[in-house]
N, C-alpha and C. Protein backbone atom coordinates (compact mmCIF):
# COMPACT_ATOMS: atom_id res chain seq x y z
N MET A 1 224.90 98.54 75.39
CA MET A 1 224.14 98.19 76.57
C MET A 1 222.66 98.48 76.30
N ASN A 2 221.85 97.58 76.70
CA ASN A 2 220.41 97.68 76.50
C ASN A 2 219.79 98.62 77.53
N HIS A 3 218.80 99.41 77.10
CA HIS A 3 218.13 100.34 78.02
C HIS A 3 217.46 99.61 79.17
N SER A 4 216.92 98.43 78.93
CA SER A 4 216.22 97.70 79.99
C SER A 4 217.18 97.21 81.07
N GLU A 5 218.47 97.15 80.77
CA GLU A 5 219.44 96.73 81.78
C GLU A 5 219.65 97.81 82.84
N ASN A 6 219.35 99.07 82.50
CA ASN A 6 219.56 100.17 83.43
C ASN A 6 218.38 100.41 84.35
N ILE A 7 217.30 99.70 84.16
CA ILE A 7 216.08 99.93 84.92
C ILE A 7 215.96 98.92 86.05
N ASP A 8 215.69 99.42 87.23
CA ASP A 8 215.42 98.55 88.38
C ASP A 8 213.93 98.20 88.35
N HIS A 9 213.63 97.05 87.83
CA HIS A 9 212.24 96.65 87.63
C HIS A 9 211.48 96.52 88.95
N ASP A 10 212.17 96.14 90.00
CA ASP A 10 211.52 96.07 91.31
C ASP A 10 211.11 97.46 91.79
N ALA A 11 211.97 98.45 91.57
CA ALA A 11 211.64 99.83 91.96
C ALA A 11 210.46 100.35 91.16
N VAL A 12 210.40 100.02 89.88
CA VAL A 12 209.28 100.45 89.04
C VAL A 12 207.99 99.82 89.54
N LEU A 13 208.03 98.55 89.88
CA LEU A 13 206.84 97.88 90.39
C LEU A 13 206.40 98.47 91.72
N ARG A 14 207.34 98.76 92.61
CA ARG A 14 207.00 99.38 93.89
C ARG A 14 206.39 100.76 93.69
N ALA A 15 206.94 101.54 92.76
CA ALA A 15 206.42 102.88 92.50
C ALA A 15 205.00 102.82 91.95
N ARG A 16 204.76 101.93 91.03
CA ARG A 16 203.40 101.79 90.47
C ARG A 16 202.42 101.33 91.54
N THR A 17 202.83 100.40 92.37
CA THR A 17 201.96 99.91 93.43
C THR A 17 201.65 101.02 94.42
N LEU A 18 202.63 101.82 94.76
CA LEU A 18 202.44 102.93 95.68
C LEU A 18 201.43 103.92 95.12
N LEU A 19 201.56 104.27 93.85
CA LEU A 19 200.67 105.25 93.25
C LEU A 19 199.26 104.71 93.03
N LEU A 20 199.14 103.42 92.79
CA LEU A 20 197.83 102.82 92.54
C LEU A 20 197.13 102.35 93.81
N GLY A 21 197.84 102.35 94.92
CA GLY A 21 197.26 101.89 96.18
C GLY A 21 196.11 102.76 96.63
N SER A 22 195.25 102.19 97.46
CA SER A 22 194.07 102.92 97.93
C SER A 22 194.38 103.82 99.11
N GLY A 23 195.51 103.62 99.76
CA GLY A 23 195.88 104.47 100.89
C GLY A 23 196.49 105.77 100.42
N GLY A 24 196.40 106.77 101.25
CA GLY A 24 197.00 108.05 100.92
C GLY A 24 198.51 107.99 101.06
N ILE A 25 199.20 108.69 100.20
CA ILE A 25 200.65 108.74 100.28
C ILE A 25 201.08 110.19 100.46
N THR A 26 202.24 110.35 101.02
CA THR A 26 202.75 111.70 101.23
C THR A 26 203.30 112.25 99.91
N VAL A 27 203.37 113.54 99.83
CA VAL A 27 203.86 114.18 98.61
C VAL A 27 205.31 113.80 98.31
N PRO A 28 206.20 113.74 99.31
CA PRO A 28 207.57 113.31 99.00
C PRO A 28 207.64 111.88 98.44
N HIS A 29 206.81 110.98 98.96
CA HIS A 29 206.79 109.61 98.43
C HIS A 29 206.24 109.59 97.01
N GLU A 30 205.23 110.42 96.76
CA GLU A 30 204.67 110.51 95.41
C GLU A 30 205.73 111.03 94.43
N ALA A 31 206.49 112.03 94.85
CA ALA A 31 207.55 112.56 93.99
C ALA A 31 208.61 111.51 93.70
N ASP A 32 208.99 110.75 94.72
CA ASP A 32 209.97 109.69 94.52
C ASP A 32 209.46 108.64 93.53
N ALA A 33 208.19 108.28 93.65
CA ALA A 33 207.61 107.29 92.74
C ALA A 33 207.61 107.82 91.30
N TYR A 34 207.24 109.07 91.11
CA TYR A 34 207.23 109.63 89.76
C TYR A 34 208.64 109.80 89.20
N ARG A 35 209.62 110.03 90.05
CA ARG A 35 211.01 110.10 89.58
C ARG A 35 211.44 108.77 88.98
N ILE A 36 211.07 107.70 89.65
CA ILE A 36 211.42 106.36 89.17
C ILE A 36 210.70 106.07 87.86
N LEU A 37 209.41 106.36 87.82
CA LEU A 37 208.62 106.06 86.62
C LEU A 37 208.98 106.96 85.45
N ALA A 38 209.46 108.17 85.71
CA ALA A 38 209.84 109.08 84.63
C ALA A 38 211.05 108.55 83.86
N ARG A 39 211.86 107.73 84.49
CA ARG A 39 212.99 107.13 83.78
C ARG A 39 212.52 106.10 82.76
N VAL A 40 211.39 105.45 83.06
CA VAL A 40 210.87 104.41 82.18
C VAL A 40 210.05 105.01 81.05
N SER A 41 209.20 105.96 81.40
CA SER A 41 208.31 106.58 80.42
C SER A 41 208.22 108.08 80.67
N PRO A 42 209.19 108.84 80.19
CA PRO A 42 209.24 110.26 80.48
C PRO A 42 208.03 111.05 79.98
N ALA A 43 207.55 110.76 78.80
CA ALA A 43 206.42 111.51 78.25
C ALA A 43 205.18 111.38 79.11
N THR A 44 205.02 110.26 79.74
CA THR A 44 203.84 110.02 80.57
C THR A 44 204.00 110.57 81.97
N HIS A 45 205.16 110.38 82.58
CA HIS A 45 205.31 110.65 84.00
C HIS A 45 205.99 111.98 84.36
N LEU A 46 206.70 112.61 83.44
CA LEU A 46 207.33 113.88 83.77
C LEU A 46 206.33 114.98 84.10
N PRO A 47 205.19 115.08 83.40
CA PRO A 47 204.21 116.10 83.82
C PRO A 47 203.68 115.86 85.23
N HIS A 48 203.48 114.60 85.60
CA HIS A 48 203.02 114.28 86.95
C HIS A 48 204.10 114.63 87.98
N LEU A 49 205.35 114.36 87.63
CA LEU A 49 206.45 114.69 88.53
C LEU A 49 206.54 116.20 88.73
N ALA A 50 206.40 116.95 87.66
CA ALA A 50 206.45 118.41 87.77
C ALA A 50 205.33 118.94 88.65
N ARG A 51 204.13 118.42 88.48
CA ARG A 51 202.99 118.83 89.30
C ARG A 51 203.22 118.50 90.76
N THR A 52 203.73 117.32 91.02
CA THR A 52 203.98 116.89 92.39
C THR A 52 205.07 117.73 93.05
N LEU A 53 206.13 118.04 92.32
CA LEU A 53 207.19 118.87 92.87
C LEU A 53 206.71 120.30 93.11
N LEU A 54 205.84 120.78 92.25
CA LEU A 54 205.26 122.11 92.48
C LEU A 54 204.40 122.12 93.73
N THR A 55 203.59 121.10 93.91
CA THR A 55 202.78 120.96 95.11
C THR A 55 203.68 120.89 96.34
N PHE A 56 204.74 120.12 96.22
CA PHE A 56 205.67 119.96 97.34
C PHE A 56 206.34 121.28 97.72
N SER A 57 206.58 122.12 96.72
CA SER A 57 207.24 123.39 97.01
C SER A 57 206.36 124.33 97.83
N TYR A 58 205.06 124.12 97.78
CA TYR A 58 204.14 124.97 98.54
C TYR A 58 203.86 124.46 99.95
N LEU A 59 204.25 123.25 100.24
CA LEU A 59 204.02 122.69 101.57
C LEU A 59 204.90 123.37 102.60
N LYS A 60 204.34 123.53 103.77
CA LYS A 60 205.13 124.09 104.87
C LYS A 60 205.74 122.93 105.64
N LEU A 61 207.04 122.87 105.61
CA LEU A 61 207.76 121.82 106.33
C LEU A 61 208.32 122.39 107.62
N GLU A 62 208.57 121.50 108.56
CA GLU A 62 209.18 121.93 109.81
C GLU A 62 210.58 122.50 109.55
N LYS A 63 211.28 121.91 108.59
CA LYS A 63 212.61 122.35 108.24
C LYS A 63 212.60 122.76 106.76
N PRO A 64 212.45 124.02 106.45
CA PRO A 64 212.38 124.44 105.04
C PRO A 64 213.58 124.04 104.21
N GLU A 65 214.73 123.85 104.82
CA GLU A 65 215.91 123.47 104.05
C GLU A 65 215.76 122.08 103.45
N LEU A 66 214.82 121.27 103.96
CA LEU A 66 214.60 119.94 103.39
C LEU A 66 213.99 120.01 102.00
N ARG A 67 213.31 121.11 101.68
CA ARG A 67 212.72 121.25 100.35
C ARG A 67 213.79 121.15 99.27
N LEU A 68 214.97 121.68 99.56
CA LEU A 68 216.03 121.67 98.58
C LEU A 68 216.54 120.26 98.29
N SER A 69 216.35 119.35 99.21
CA SER A 69 216.83 117.99 99.01
C SER A 69 215.94 117.18 98.08
N TYR A 70 214.73 117.67 97.83
CA TYR A 70 213.84 116.96 96.93
C TYR A 70 213.91 117.58 95.58
């Protein structure tokens, strides 16, 4: 099976568009985008994902148990 068959190209395009957009995005959405992109190019996007998840861990959420779901 080819590696490109396992990639949802639409999801990759949406993630790149979200990150490159001029509007602000929430940290959970940023983490989701980097999770998708890390599957395509781990060396490039895993450091960004780690930084985003670290930032997310410091955020005060209304429901702290939601942090575990990310």
